[in-house]
Amino acid sequence: MNKPTQTAANSEPMEKPVDVLLQLPEVCRQAGFGKTAIYRMMKEGTFPEPIKIGPASRWSQIEVQAWIEKQKAARRAA
């Protein structure tokens, strides 16, 4: 028998989402901008900074998704 899926209505705490580190092409795809625009927004302080792993740059998927949600909320507020 299958166990019921945990929902937000349950009193048990929800699990923290797993973060994934994204490469620039995936960041561009999710955000809908090219790399030049991504780096320009980073310089302006309006886009999440990457995590440096040696010579590589990776972005937190949670931070990128939070940025997208913020853009959507700003659109609704306008």
N, C-alpha and C. Protein backbone atom coordinates (compact mmCIF):
# COMPACT_ATOMS: atom_id res chain seq x y z
N MET A 1 0.85 -1.17 0.00
CA MET A 1 0.00 0.00 0.00
C MET A 1 0.89 1.24 0.00
N ASN A 2 0.56 2.25 -0.79
CA ASN A 2 1.34 3.47 -0.88
C ASN A 2 1.04 4.39 0.28
N LYS A 3 2.08 5.07 0.76
CA LYS A 3 1.89 6.06 1.81
C LYS A 3 1.38 7.34 1.19
N PRO A 4 0.54 8.10 1.90
CA PRO A 4 0.07 9.38 1.35
C PRO A 4 1.24 10.37 1.23
N THR A 5 1.17 11.20 0.22
CA THR A 5 2.19 12.21 -0.01
C THR A 5 2.06 13.31 1.02
N GLN A 6 3.18 13.77 1.55
CA GLN A 6 3.17 14.86 2.52
C GLN A 6 2.77 16.15 1.82
N THR A 7 1.90 16.92 2.44
CA THR A 7 1.48 18.20 1.88
C THR A 7 1.78 19.31 2.87
N ALA A 8 1.63 20.55 2.42
CA ALA A 8 1.86 21.70 3.29
C ALA A 8 0.85 21.73 4.42
N ALA A 9 -0.31 21.11 4.24
CA ALA A 9 -1.34 21.10 5.27
C ALA A 9 -0.96 20.19 6.44
N ASN A 10 -0.05 19.25 6.22
CA ASN A 10 0.41 18.38 7.30
C ASN A 10 1.19 19.20 8.32
N SER A 11 1.17 18.74 9.56
CA SER A 11 1.92 19.45 10.60
C SER A 11 3.41 19.17 10.52
N GLU A 12 3.81 18.17 9.75
CA GLU A 12 5.23 17.85 9.62
C GLU A 12 5.92 18.89 8.74
N PRO A 13 7.15 19.26 9.08
CA PRO A 13 7.86 20.26 8.26
C PRO A 13 8.18 19.73 6.87
N MET A 14 8.12 20.62 5.89
CA MET A 14 8.47 20.25 4.51
C MET A 14 9.99 20.14 4.42
N GLU A 15 10.47 19.27 3.53
CA GLU A 15 11.91 19.12 3.34
C GLU A 15 12.45 20.33 2.59
N LYS A 16 13.67 20.71 2.93
CA LYS A 16 14.34 21.81 2.26
C LYS A 16 14.67 21.37 0.83
N PRO A 17 14.40 22.24 -0.17
CA PRO A 17 14.71 21.84 -1.55
C PRO A 17 16.20 21.63 -1.76
N VAL A 18 16.53 20.70 -2.61
CA VAL A 18 17.93 20.42 -2.94
C VAL A 18 18.38 21.46 -3.96
N ASP A 19 19.53 22.07 -3.70
CA ASP A 19 20.06 23.07 -4.63
C ASP A 19 20.92 22.36 -5.67
N VAL A 20 20.91 22.88 -6.87
CA VAL A 20 21.71 22.37 -7.97
C VAL A 20 22.55 23.53 -8.49
N LEU A 21 23.79 23.26 -8.83
CA LEU A 21 24.65 24.30 -9.40
C LEU A 21 24.56 24.24 -10.91
N LEU A 22 24.20 25.37 -11.50
CA LEU A 22 23.95 25.45 -12.94
C LEU A 22 25.12 26.08 -13.68
N GLN A 23 25.36 25.58 -14.89
CA GLN A 23 26.33 26.20 -15.77
C GLN A 23 25.64 27.36 -16.49
N LEU A 24 26.44 28.27 -17.03
CA LEU A 24 25.93 29.48 -17.65
C LEU A 24 24.88 29.23 -18.74
N PRO A 25 25.05 28.27 -19.64
CA PRO A 25 24.01 28.07 -20.66
C PRO A 25 22.63 27.76 -20.06
N GLU A 26 22.61 27.01 -18.96
CA GLU A 26 21.33 26.69 -18.31
C GLU A 26 20.78 27.91 -17.58
N VAL A 27 21.65 28.73 -16.99
CA VAL A 27 21.21 29.98 -16.35
C VAL A 27 20.57 30.88 -17.40
N CYS A 28 21.21 31.00 -18.55
CA CYS A 28 20.66 31.82 -19.64
C CYS A 28 19.30 31.29 -20.08
N ARG A 29 19.19 29.98 -20.20
CA ARG A 29 17.92 29.38 -20.64
C ARG A 29 16.81 29.66 -19.63
N GLN A 30 17.10 29.46 -18.35
CA GLN A 30 16.08 29.66 -17.33
C GLN A 30 15.70 31.12 -17.18
N ALA A 31 16.68 32.01 -17.23
CA ALA A 31 16.42 33.44 -17.04
C ALA A 31 15.90 34.11 -18.32
N GLY A 32 16.17 33.51 -19.46
CA GLY A 32 15.72 34.09 -20.72
C GLY A 32 16.58 35.22 -21.22
N PHE A 33 17.84 35.25 -20.80
CA PHE A 33 18.79 36.27 -21.23
C PHE A 33 20.07 35.63 -21.73
N GLY A 34 20.82 36.33 -22.56
CA GLY A 34 22.12 35.88 -23.01
C GLY A 34 23.17 36.15 -21.95
N LYS A 35 24.37 35.61 -22.18
CA LYS A 35 25.42 35.74 -21.17
C LYS A 35 25.84 37.18 -20.95
N THR A 36 25.82 38.01 -21.98
CA THR A 36 26.21 39.41 -21.82
C THR A 36 25.25 40.12 -20.88
N ALA A 37 23.96 39.87 -21.04
CA ALA A 37 22.95 40.48 -20.17
C ALA A 37 23.08 39.96 -18.74
N ILE A 38 23.33 38.67 -18.59
CA ILE A 38 23.50 38.08 -17.26
C ILE A 38 24.67 38.76 -16.54
N TYR A 39 25.82 38.87 -17.22
CA TYR A 39 26.99 39.48 -16.59
C TYR A 39 26.77 40.97 -16.33
N ARG A 40 26.03 41.67 -17.20
CA ARG A 40 25.72 43.08 -16.97
C ARG A 40 24.85 43.24 -15.72
N MET A 41 23.83 42.38 -15.58
CA MET A 41 22.97 42.45 -14.40
C MET A 41 23.73 42.10 -13.12
N MET A 42 24.68 41.17 -13.22
CA MET A 42 25.51 40.84 -12.07
C MET A 42 26.33 42.07 -11.66
N LYS A 43 26.90 42.76 -12.64
CA LYS A 43 27.71 43.95 -12.36
C LYS A 43 26.86 45.04 -11.72
N GLU A 44 25.59 45.13 -12.14
CA GLU A 44 24.66 46.12 -11.56
C GLU A 44 24.14 45.68 -10.20
N GLY A 45 24.41 44.43 -9.81
CA GLY A 45 23.95 43.92 -8.53
C GLY A 45 22.51 43.46 -8.53
N THR A 46 21.96 43.20 -9.73
CA THR A 46 20.56 42.81 -9.83
C THR A 46 20.36 41.33 -10.19
N PHE A 47 21.44 40.58 -10.29
CA PHE A 47 21.35 39.16 -10.62
C PHE A 47 22.30 38.41 -9.69
N PRO A 48 21.94 37.19 -9.28
CA PRO A 48 22.80 36.43 -8.35
C PRO A 48 24.21 36.22 -8.90
N GLU A 49 25.18 36.33 -8.00
CA GLU A 49 26.58 36.08 -8.34
C GLU A 49 26.81 34.57 -8.42
N PRO A 50 27.77 34.15 -9.24
CA PRO A 50 28.07 32.72 -9.30
C PRO A 50 28.92 32.26 -8.12
N ILE A 51 28.96 30.97 -7.96
CA ILE A 51 29.84 30.32 -6.99
C ILE A 51 31.06 29.87 -7.79
N LYS A 52 32.23 30.26 -7.35
CA LYS A 52 33.46 29.87 -8.05
C LYS A 52 33.95 28.53 -7.52
N ILE A 53 34.15 27.59 -8.41
CA ILE A 53 34.70 26.29 -8.07
C ILE A 53 35.94 26.13 -8.95
N GLY A 54 37.08 26.48 -8.37
CA GLY A 54 38.30 26.52 -9.18
C GLY A 54 38.12 27.58 -10.25
N PRO A 55 38.40 27.25 -11.50
CA PRO A 55 38.22 28.23 -12.57
C PRO A 55 36.77 28.32 -13.07
N ALA A 56 35.91 27.42 -12.61
CA ALA A 56 34.53 27.36 -13.11
C ALA A 56 33.60 28.24 -12.30
N SER A 57 32.57 28.76 -12.95
CA SER A 57 31.50 29.52 -12.30
C SER A 57 30.22 28.71 -12.40
N ARG A 58 29.52 28.61 -11.29
CA ARG A 58 28.23 27.91 -11.26
C ARG A 58 27.26 28.75 -10.46
N TRP A 59 25.98 28.72 -10.85
CA TRP A 59 24.95 29.48 -10.18
C TRP A 59 24.02 28.56 -9.42
N SER A 60 23.57 29.03 -8.26
CA SER A 60 22.61 28.29 -7.46
C SER A 60 21.26 28.33 -8.16
N GLN A 61 20.68 27.17 -8.41
CA GLN A 61 19.37 27.12 -9.05
C GLN A 61 18.32 27.78 -8.15
N ILE A 62 18.44 27.61 -6.84
CA ILE A 62 17.49 28.23 -5.93
C ILE A 62 17.57 29.76 -6.04
N GLU A 63 18.77 30.31 -6.13
CA GLU A 63 18.93 31.76 -6.25
C GLU A 63 18.40 32.26 -7.60
N VAL A 64 18.66 31.53 -8.66
CA VAL A 64 18.18 31.93 -9.99
C VAL A 64 16.65 31.89 -10.01
N GLN A 65 16.06 30.84 -9.44
CA GLN A 65 14.60 30.74 -9.41
C GLN A 65 14.00 31.84 -8.53
N ALA A 66 14.67 32.19 -7.43
CA ALA A 66 14.19 33.29 -6.57
C ALA A 66 14.23 34.60 -7.34
N TRP A 67 15.27 34.82 -8.15
CA TRP A 67 15.36 36.02 -8.97
C TRP A 67 14.21 36.08 -9.96
N ILE A 68 13.90 34.94 -10.59
CA ILE A 68 12.79 34.88 -11.55
C ILE A 68 11.48 35.21 -10.84
N GLU A 69 11.26 34.63 -9.67
CA GLU A 69 10.03 34.91 -8.90
C GLU A 69 9.93 36.38 -8.53
N LYS A 70 11.08 37.00 -8.19
CA LYS A 70 11.09 38.42 -7.86
C LYS A 70 10.69 39.26 -9.07
N GLN A 71 11.15 38.87 -10.26
CA GLN A 71 10.79 39.60 -11.48
C GLN A 71 9.29 39.49 -11.74
N LYS A 72 8.74 38.30 -11.51
CA LYS A 72 7.30 38.09 -11.70
C LYS A 72 6.49 38.89 -10.70
N ALA A 73 6.96 38.95 -9.45
CA ALA A 73 6.25 39.71 -8.43
C ALA A 73 6.28 41.21 -8.75
N ALA A 74 7.41 41.70 -9.26
CA ALA A 74 7.52 43.11 -9.63
C ALA A 74 6.55 43.43 -10.78
N ARG A 75 6.38 42.50 -11.68
CA ARG A 75 5.45 42.70 -12.80
C ARG A 75 4.02 42.81 -12.28
N ARG A 76 3.67 41.95 -11.32
CA ARG A 76 2.31 41.97 -10.76
C ARG A 76 2.07 43.25 -9.97
N ALA A 77 3.11 43.77 -9.30
CA ALA A 77 2.96 44.96 -8.48
C ALA A 77 2.85 46.23 -9.33
N ALA A 78 3.33 46.17 -10.56
CA ALA A 78 3.32 47.38 -11.42
C ALA A 78 1.94 47.69 -11.95
